[in-house]
């Protein structure tokens, strides 16, 4: 079995996408600070299982959207501000 990792949602709305593209549909969204569990997928994406109406679905989280507790505590920069 693949190892499972966990880290925190960094974006105010951290999305789980239906495929490995930010243009794909969003299966679910989590608030900043939510602890997310996932498995490695590739260099840019993690694979996660989300439950929608009680049914398990595979979704993808961009690696830039999650991070450690220390990253969570640092300020967010949006467009360099």
PDB file of N, CA and C in Angstrom:
ATOM      1  N   UNK A   1       0.839  -1.197   0.000  1.00  0.00           N
ATOM      2  CA  UNK A   1       0.000   0.000   0.000  1.00  0.00           C
ATOM      3  C   UNK A   1       0.872   1.244   0.000  1.00  0.00           C
ATOM      4  N   UNK A   2       0.318   2.296  -0.549  1.00  0.00           N
ATOM      5  CA  UNK A   2       1.033   3.561  -0.619  1.00  0.00           C
ATOM      6  C   UNK A   2       1.017   4.232   0.747  1.00  0.00           C
ATOM      7  N   UNK A   3       2.106   4.920   1.111  1.00  0.00           N
ATOM      8  CA  UNK A   3       2.091   5.634   2.387  1.00  0.00           C
ATOM      9  C   UNK A   3       1.089   6.785   2.338  1.00  0.00           C
ATOM     10  N   UNK A   4       0.537   7.109   3.472  1.00  0.00           N
ATOM     11  CA  UNK A   4      -0.378   8.242   3.568  1.00  0.00           C
ATOM     12  C   UNK A   4       0.336   9.375   4.290  1.00  0.00           C
ATOM     13  N   UNK A   5       0.213  10.568   3.759  1.00  0.00           N
ATOM     14  CA  UNK A   5       0.806  11.747   4.360  1.00  0.00           C
ATOM     15  C   UNK A   5      -0.311  12.673   4.820  1.00  0.00           C
ATOM     16  N   UNK A   6       0.035  13.592   5.690  1.00  0.00           N
ATOM     17  CA  UNK A   6      -0.948  14.600   6.056  1.00  0.00           C
ATOM     18  C   UNK A   6      -0.276  15.941   6.218  1.00  0.00           C
ATOM     19  N   UNK A   7      -0.988  16.967   5.828  1.00  0.00           N
ATOM     20  CA  UNK A   7      -0.549  18.336   6.064  1.00  0.00           C
ATOM     21  C   UNK A   7      -1.778  19.226   6.011  1.00  0.00           C
ATOM     22  N   UNK A   8      -1.541  20.526   6.100  1.00  0.00           N
ATOM     23  CA  UNK A   8      -2.639  21.454   6.299  1.00  0.00           C
ATOM     24  C   UNK A   8      -2.992  22.222   5.033  1.00  0.00           C
ATOM     25  N   UNK A   9      -4.266  22.520   4.893  1.00  0.00           N
ATOM     26  CA  UNK A   9      -4.727  23.367   3.793  1.00  0.00           C
ATOM     27  C   UNK A   9      -4.159  24.767   3.995  1.00  0.00           C
ATOM     28  N   UNK A  10      -3.450  25.291   3.004  1.00  0.00           N
ATOM     29  CA  UNK A  10      -2.830  26.614   3.121  1.00  0.00           C
ATOM     30  C   UNK A  10      -3.704  27.714   2.537  1.00  0.00           C
ATOM     31  N   UNK A  11      -4.439  27.408   1.487  1.00  0.00           N
ATOM     32  CA  UNK A  11      -5.288  28.429   0.861  1.00  0.00           C
ATOM     33  C   UNK A  11      -6.560  28.609   1.686  1.00  0.00           C
ATOM     34  N   UNK A  12      -7.154  29.790   1.576  1.00  0.00           N
ATOM     35  CA  UNK A  12      -8.424  30.023   2.273  1.00  0.00           C
ATOM     36  C   UNK A  12      -9.473  29.041   1.785  1.00  0.00           C
ATOM     37  N   UNK A  13      -9.429  28.742   0.503  1.00  0.00           N
ATOM     38  CA  UNK A  13     -10.241  27.670  -0.056  1.00  0.00           C
ATOM     39  C   UNK A  13      -9.279  26.720  -0.741  1.00  0.00           C
ATOM     40  N   UNK A  14      -9.023  25.593  -0.115  1.00  0.00           N
ATOM     41  CA  UNK A  14      -8.141  24.586  -0.706  1.00  0.00           C
ATOM     42  C   UNK A  14      -9.029  23.550  -1.379  1.00  0.00           C
ATOM     43  N   UNK A  15      -8.874  23.411  -2.684  1.00  0.00           N
ATOM     44  CA  UNK A  15      -9.777  22.564  -3.455  1.00  0.00           C
ATOM     45  C   UNK A  15      -9.192  21.176  -3.689  1.00  0.00           C
ATOM     46  N   UNK A  16     -10.084  20.210  -3.709  1.00  0.00           N
ATOM     47  CA  UNK A  16      -9.753  18.872  -4.193  1.00  0.00           C
ATOM     48  C   UNK A  16     -10.379  18.786  -5.580  1.00  0.00           C
ATOM     49  N   UNK A  17      -9.526  18.574  -6.589  1.00  0.00           N
ATOM     50  CA  UNK A  17      -9.966  18.596  -7.983  1.00  0.00           C
ATOM     51  C   UNK A  17     -10.258  17.188  -8.481  1.00  0.00           C
ATOM     52  N   UNK A  18     -11.084  17.112  -9.531  1.00  0.00           N
ATOM     53  CA  UNK A  18     -11.463  15.807 -10.070  1.00  0.00           C
ATOM     54  C   UNK A  18     -10.350  15.180 -10.904  1.00  0.00           C
ATOM     55  N   UNK A  19      -9.427  15.995 -11.407  1.00  0.00           N
ATOM     56  CA  UNK A  19      -8.264  15.461 -12.116  1.00  0.00           C
ATOM     57  C   UNK A  19      -7.064  16.362 -11.825  1.00  0.00           C
ATOM     58  N   UNK A  20      -5.915  16.028 -12.397  1.00  0.00           N
ATOM     59  CA  UNK A  20      -4.695  16.763 -12.078  1.00  0.00           C
ATOM     60  C   UNK A  20      -4.597  18.059 -12.889  1.00  0.00           C
ATOM     61  N   UNK A  21      -5.628  18.878 -12.757  1.00  0.00           N
ATOM     62  CA  UNK A  21      -5.640  20.182 -13.410  1.00  0.00           C
ATOM     63  C   UNK A  21      -6.479  21.133 -12.582  1.00  0.00           C
ATOM     64  N   UNK A  22      -5.977  22.363 -12.416  1.00  0.00           N
ATOM     65  CA  UNK A  22      -6.762  23.368 -11.693  1.00  0.00           C
ATOM     66  C   UNK A  22      -8.004  23.773 -12.479  1.00  0.00           C
ATOM     67  N   UNK A  23      -8.033  23.416 -13.763  1.00  0.00           N
ATOM     68  CA  UNK A  23      -9.205  23.734 -14.586  1.00  0.00           C
ATOM     69  C   UNK A  23     -10.293  22.663 -14.451  1.00  0.00           C
ATOM     70  N   UNK A  24      -9.953  21.542 -13.833  1.00  0.00           N
ATOM     71  CA  UNK A  24     -10.943  20.475 -13.683  1.00  0.00           C
ATOM     72  C   UNK A  24     -11.957  20.844 -12.605  1.00  0.00           C
ATOM     73  N   UNK A  25     -13.040  20.107 -12.540  1.00  0.00           N
ATOM     74  CA  UNK A  25     -14.076  20.451 -11.569  1.00  0.00           C
ATOM     75  C   UNK A  25     -13.589  20.195 -10.152  1.00  0.00           C
ATOM     76  N   UNK A  26     -14.137  20.962  -9.229  1.00  0.00           N
ATOM     77  CA  UNK A  26     -13.749  20.853  -7.822  1.00  0.00           C
ATOM     78  C   UNK A  26     -14.713  19.909  -7.119  1.00  0.00           C
ATOM     79  N   UNK A  27     -14.151  18.853  -6.532  1.00  0.00           N
ATOM     80  CA  UNK A  27     -14.984  17.888  -5.824  1.00  0.00           C
ATOM     81  C   UNK A  27     -15.376  18.410  -4.450  1.00  0.00           C
ATOM     82  N   UNK A  28     -14.419  19.071  -3.806  1.00  0.00           N
ATOM     83  CA  UNK A  28     -14.641  19.512  -2.441  1.00  0.00           C
ATOM     84  C   UNK A  28     -13.665  20.645  -2.131  1.00  0.00           C
ATOM     85  N   UNK A  29     -14.025  21.476  -1.163  1.00  0.00           N
ATOM     86  CA  UNK A  29     -13.138  22.570  -0.746  1.00  0.00           C
ATOM     87  C   UNK A  29     -12.989  22.542   0.761  1.00  0.00           C
ATOM     88  N   UNK A  30     -11.798  22.902   1.222  1.00  0.00           N
ATOM     89  CA  UNK A  30     -11.520  22.933   2.655  1.00  0.00           C
ATOM     90  C   UNK A  30     -10.988  24.295   3.033  1.00  0.00           C
ATOM     91  N   UNK A  31     -11.301  24.718   4.245  1.00  0.00           N
ATOM     92  CA  UNK A  31     -10.803  25.989   4.753  1.00  0.00           C
ATOM     93  C   UNK A  31      -9.341  25.863   5.156  1.00  0.00           C
ATOM     94  N   UNK A  32      -8.641  27.012   5.161  1.00  0.00           N
ATOM     95  CA  UNK A  32      -7.261  27.081   5.615  1.00  0.00           C
ATOM     96  C   UNK A  32      -7.150  26.468   7.010  1.00  0.00           C
ATOM     97  N   UNK A  33      -6.128  25.640   7.202  1.00  0.00           N
ATOM     98  CA  UNK A  33      -5.897  25.033   8.503  1.00  0.00           C
ATOM     99  C   UNK A  33      -6.495  23.645   8.655  1.00  0.00           C
ATOM    100  N   UNK A  34      -7.319  23.211   7.687  1.00  0.00           N
ATOM    101  CA  UNK A  34      -7.914  21.874   7.761  1.00  0.00           C
ATOM    102  C   UNK A  34      -6.821  20.824   7.526  1.00  0.00           C
ATOM    103  N   UNK A  35      -6.794  19.805   8.345  1.00  0.00           N
ATOM    104  CA  UNK A  35      -5.801  18.741   8.174  1.00  0.00           C
ATOM    105  C   UNK A  35      -6.262  17.796   7.076  1.00  0.00           C
ATOM    106  N   UNK A  36      -5.439  17.646   6.052  1.00  0.00           N
ATOM    107  CA  UNK A  36      -5.780  16.802   4.909  1.00  0.00           C
ATOM    108  C   UNK A  36      -4.856  15.598   4.861  1.00  0.00           C
ATOM    109  N   UNK A  37      -5.418  14.462   4.479  1.00  0.00           N
ATOM    110  CA  UNK A  37      -4.623  13.243   4.308  1.00  0.00           C
ATOM    111  C   UNK A  37      -4.630  12.872   2.835  1.00  0.00           C
ATOM    112  N   UNK A  38      -3.504  12.389   2.360  1.00  0.00           N
ATOM    113  CA  UNK A  38      -3.405  12.074   0.938  1.00  0.00           C
ATOM    114  C   UNK A  38      -2.267  11.095   0.699  1.00  0.00           C
ATOM    115  N   UNK A  39      -2.206  10.624  -0.528  1.00  0.00           N
ATOM    116  CA  UNK A  39      -1.131   9.742  -0.975  1.00  0.00           C
ATOM    117  C   UNK A  39      -0.367  10.444  -2.097  1.00  0.00           C
ATOM    118  N   UNK A  40       0.915  10.108  -2.272  1.00  0.00           N
ATOM    119  CA  UNK A  40       1.662  10.741  -3.361  1.00  0.00           C
ATOM    120  C   UNK A  40       1.098  10.327  -4.717  1.00  0.00           C
ATOM    121  N   UNK A  41       1.122  11.239  -5.656  1.00  0.00           N
ATOM    122  CA  UNK A  41       0.667  10.926  -7.012  1.00  0.00           C
ATOM    123  C   UNK A  41       1.768  11.231  -8.028  1.00  0.00           C
ATOM    124  N   UNK A  42       2.157  12.514  -8.120  1.00  0.00           N
ATOM    125  CA  UNK A  42       3.300  12.876  -8.964  1.00  0.00           C
ATOM    126  C   UNK A  42       3.965  14.123  -8.391  1.00  0.00           C
ATOM    127  N   UNK A  43       4.823  14.781  -9.163  1.00  0.00           N
ATOM    128  CA  UNK A  43       5.584  15.918  -8.633  1.00  0.00           C
ATOM    129  C   UNK A  43       4.721  17.122  -8.282  1.00  0.00           C
ATOM    130  N   UNK A  44       3.544  17.206  -8.857  1.00  0.00           N
ATOM    131  CA  UNK A  44       2.712  18.386  -8.653  1.00  0.00           C
ATOM    132  C   UNK A  44       1.413  18.117  -7.904  1.00  0.00           C
ATOM    133  N   UNK A  45       1.048  16.865  -7.778  1.00  0.00           N
ATOM    134  CA  UNK A  45      -0.275  16.531  -7.244  1.00  0.00           C
ATOM    135  C   UNK A  45      -0.224  15.412  -6.219  1.00  0.00           C
ATOM    136  N   UNK A  46      -1.105  15.527  -5.237  1.00  0.00           N
ATOM    137  CA  UNK A  46      -1.364  14.450  -4.286  1.00  0.00           C
ATOM    138  C   UNK A  46      -2.712  13.845  -4.657  1.00  0.00           C
ATOM    139  N   UNK A  47      -2.888  12.580  -4.313  1.00  0.00           N
ATOM    140  CA  UNK A  47      -4.161  11.904  -4.553  1.00  0.00           C
ATOM    141  C   UNK A  47      -4.876  11.748  -3.215  1.00  0.00           C
ATOM    142  N   UNK A  48      -6.151  12.069  -3.181  1.00  0.00           N
ATOM    143  CA  UNK A  48      -6.912  11.998  -1.940  1.00  0.00           C
ATOM    144  C   UNK A  48      -8.260  11.333  -2.196  1.00  0.00           C
ATOM    145  N   UNK A  49      -8.798  10.714  -1.173  1.00  0.00           N
ATOM    146  CA  UNK A  49     -10.146  10.172  -1.265  1.00  0.00           C
ATOM    147  C   UNK A  49     -11.082  11.128  -0.537  1.00  0.00           C
ATOM    148  N   UNK A  50     -12.099  11.575  -1.228  1.00  0.00           N
ATOM    149  CA  UNK A  50     -13.100  12.441  -0.606  1.00  0.00           C
ATOM    150  C   UNK A  50     -14.446  11.737  -0.673  1.00  0.00           C
ATOM    151  N   UNK A  51     -15.299  12.062   0.272  1.00  0.00           N
ATOM    152  CA  UNK A  51     -16.625  11.457   0.306  1.00  0.00           C
ATOM    153  C   UNK A  51     -17.660  12.500  -0.068  1.00  0.00           C
ATOM    154  N   UNK A  52     -18.427  12.182  -1.102  1.00  0.00           N
ATOM    155  CA  UNK A  52     -19.481  13.070  -1.562  1.00  0.00           C
ATOM    156  C   UNK A  52     -20.783  12.279  -1.507  1.00  0.00           C
ATOM    157  N   UNK A  53     -21.699  12.769  -0.688  1.00  0.00           N
ATOM    158  CA  UNK A  53     -22.963  12.052  -0.450  1.00  0.00           C
ATOM    159  C   UNK A  53     -22.713  10.610  -0.027  1.00  0.00           C
ATOM    160  N   UNK A  54     -21.677  10.421   0.795  1.00  0.00           N
ATOM    161  CA  UNK A  54     -21.380   9.098   1.326  1.00  0.00           C
ATOM    162  C   UNK A  54     -20.618   8.183   0.384  1.00  0.00           C
ATOM    163  N   UNK A  55     -20.318   8.659  -0.823  1.00  0.00           N
ATOM    164  CA  UNK A  55     -19.587   7.834  -1.795  1.00  0.00           C
ATOM    165  C   UNK A  55     -18.141   8.299  -1.893  1.00  0.00           C
ATOM    166  N   UNK A  56     -17.228   7.332  -1.857  1.00  0.00           N
ATOM    167  CA  UNK A  56     -15.804   7.659  -1.968  1.00  0.00           C
ATOM    168  C   UNK A  56     -15.462   8.011  -3.411  1.00  0.00           C
ATOM    169  N   UNK A  57     -14.749   9.107  -3.579  1.00  0.00           N
ATOM    170  CA  UNK A  57     -14.268   9.492  -4.905  1.00  0.00           C
ATOM    171  C   UNK A  57     -12.800   9.882  -4.799  1.00  0.00           C
ATOM    172  N   UNK A  58     -12.060   9.610  -5.858  1.00  0.00           N
ATOM    173  CA  UNK A  58     -10.652   9.993  -5.891  1.00  0.00           C
ATOM    174  C   UNK A  58     -10.539  11.420  -6.402  1.00  0.00           C
ATOM    175  N   UNK A  59      -9.799  12.227  -5.655  1.00  0.00           N
ATOM    176  CA  UNK A  59      -9.555  13.601  -6.077  1.00  0.00           C
ATOM    177  C   UNK A  59      -8.077  13.917  -5.971  1.00  0.00           C
ATOM    178  N   UNK A  60      -7.712  15.103  -6.389  1.00  0.00           N
ATOM    179  CA  UNK A  60      -6.310  15.506  -6.442  1.00  0.00           C
ATOM    180  C   UNK A  60      -6.129  16.878  -5.804  1.00  0.00           C
ATOM    181  N   UNK A  61      -5.055  17.003  -5.015  1.00  0.00           N
ATOM    182  CA  UNK A  61      -4.732  18.253  -4.330  1.00  0.00           C
ATOM    183  C   UNK A  61      -3.396  18.740  -4.876  1.00  0.00           C
ATOM    184  N   UNK A  62      -3.343  20.004  -5.272  1.00  0.00           N
ATOM    185  CA  UNK A  62      -2.078  20.551  -5.767  1.00  0.00           C
ATOM    186  C   UNK A  62      -1.091  20.673  -4.615  1.00  0.00           C
ATOM    187  N   UNK A  63       0.157  20.276  -4.840  1.00  0.00           N
ATOM    188  CA  UNK A  63       1.143  20.271  -3.747  1.00  0.00           C
ATOM    189  C   UNK A  63       1.382  21.660  -3.169  1.00  0.00           C
ATOM    190  N   UNK A  64       1.124  22.717  -3.951  1.00  0.00           N
ATOM    191  CA  UNK A  64       1.327  24.079  -3.453  1.00  0.00           C
ATOM    192  C   UNK A  64       0.207  24.533  -2.521  1.00  0.00           C
ATOM    193  N   UNK A  65      -0.876  23.767  -2.479  1.00  0.00           N
ATOM    194  CA  UNK A  65      -2.041  24.172  -1.685  1.00  0.00           C
ATOM    195  C   UNK A  65      -2.019  23.630  -0.262  1.00  0.00           C
ATOM    196  N   UNK A  66      -1.062  22.766   0.027  1.00  0.00           N
ATOM    197  CA  UNK A  66      -0.970  22.203   1.376  1.00  0.00           C
ATOM    198  C   UNK A  66       0.445  22.357   1.916  1.00  0.00           C
ATOM    199  N   UNK A  67       0.562  22.360   3.237  1.00  0.00           N
ATOM    200  CA  UNK A  67       1.887  22.517   3.822  1.00  0.00           C
ATOM    201  C   UNK A  67       1.893  22.185   5.293  1.00  0.00           C
ATOM    202  N   UNK A  68       3.025  22.426   5.895  1.00  0.00           N
ATOM    203  CA  UNK A  68       3.238  22.063   7.291  1.00  0.00           C
ATOM    204  C   UNK A  68       2.597  23.076   8.234  1.00  0.00           C
ATOM    205  N   UNK A  69       2.567  22.710   9.505  1.00  0.00           N
ATOM    206  CA  UNK A  69       2.034  23.590  10.535  1.00  0.00           C
ATOM    207  C   UNK A  69       2.801  24.911  10.570  1.00  0.00           C
ATOM    208  N   UNK A  70       4.124  24.870  10.370  1.00  0.00           N
ATOM    209  CA  UNK A  70       4.911  26.108  10.397  1.00  0.00           C
ATOM    210  C   UNK A  70       4.559  27.007   9.211  1.00  0.00           C
ATOM    211  N   UNK A  71       4.267  26.408   8.056  1.00  0.00           N
ATOM    212  CA  UNK A  71       3.845  27.211   6.903  1.00  0.00           C
ATOM    213  C   UNK A  71       2.486  27.850   7.173  1.00  0.00           C
ATOM    214  N   UNK A  72       1.662  27.123   7.899  1.00  0.00           N
ATOM    215  CA  UNK A  72       0.330  27.614   8.231  1.00  0.00           C
ATOM    216  C   UNK A  72       0.413  28.866   9.102  1.00  0.00           C
ATOM    217  N   UNK A  73       1.412  28.911   9.964  1.00  0.00           N
ATOM    218  CA  UNK A  73       1.544  30.034  10.892  1.00  0.00           C
ATOM    219  C   UNK A  73       2.184  31.248  10.263  1.00  0.00           C
ATOM    220  N   UNK A  74       2.857  31.061   9.129  1.00  0.00           N
ATOM    221  CA  UNK A  74       3.480  32.217   8.473  1.00  0.00           C
ATOM    222  C   UNK A  74       2.419  32.981   7.688  1.00  0.00           C
ATOM    223  N   UNK A  75       2.645  34.275   7.453  1.00  0.00           N
ATOM    224  CA  UNK A  75       1.623  35.066   6.742  1.00  0.00           C
ATOM    225  C   UNK A  75       1.437  34.599   5.306  1.00  0.00           C
ATOM    226  N   UNK A  76       0.255  34.843   4.786  1.00  0.00           N
ATOM    227  CA  UNK A  76      -0.031  34.498   3.398  1.00  0.00           C
ATOM    228  C   UNK A  76       0.336  35.691   2.535  1.00  0.00           C
ATOM    229  N   UNK A  77       1.021  35.437   1.442  1.00  0.00           N
ATOM    230  CA  UNK A  77       1.303  36.499   0.480  1.00  0.00           C
ATOM    231  C   UNK A  77       0.470  36.246  -0.766  1.00  0.00           C
ATOM    232  N   UNK A  78      -0.301  37.239  -1.134  1.00  0.00           N
ATOM    233  CA  UNK A  78      -1.107  37.138  -2.347  1.00  0.00           C
ATOM    234  C   UNK A  78      -0.602  38.200  -3.304  1.00  0.00           C
ATOM    235  N   UNK A  79      -0.145  37.747  -4.464  1.00  0.00           N
ATOM    236  CA  UNK A  79       0.446  38.656  -5.457  1.00  0.00           C
ATOM    237  C   UNK A  79       1.538  39.528  -4.843  1.00  0.00           C
ATOM    238  N   UNK A  80       2.334  38.915  -3.960  1.00  0.00           N
ATOM    239  CA  UNK A  80       3.486  39.619  -3.398  1.00  0.00           C
ATOM    240  C   UNK A  80       3.167  40.621  -2.308  1.00  0.00           C
ATOM    241  N   UNK A  81       1.906  40.691  -1.893  1.00  0.00           N
ATOM    242  CA  UNK A  81       1.515  41.673  -0.855  1.00  0.00           C
ATOM    243  C   UNK A  81       1.616  41.039   0.524  1.00  0.00           C
TER     244      UNK A  81
END
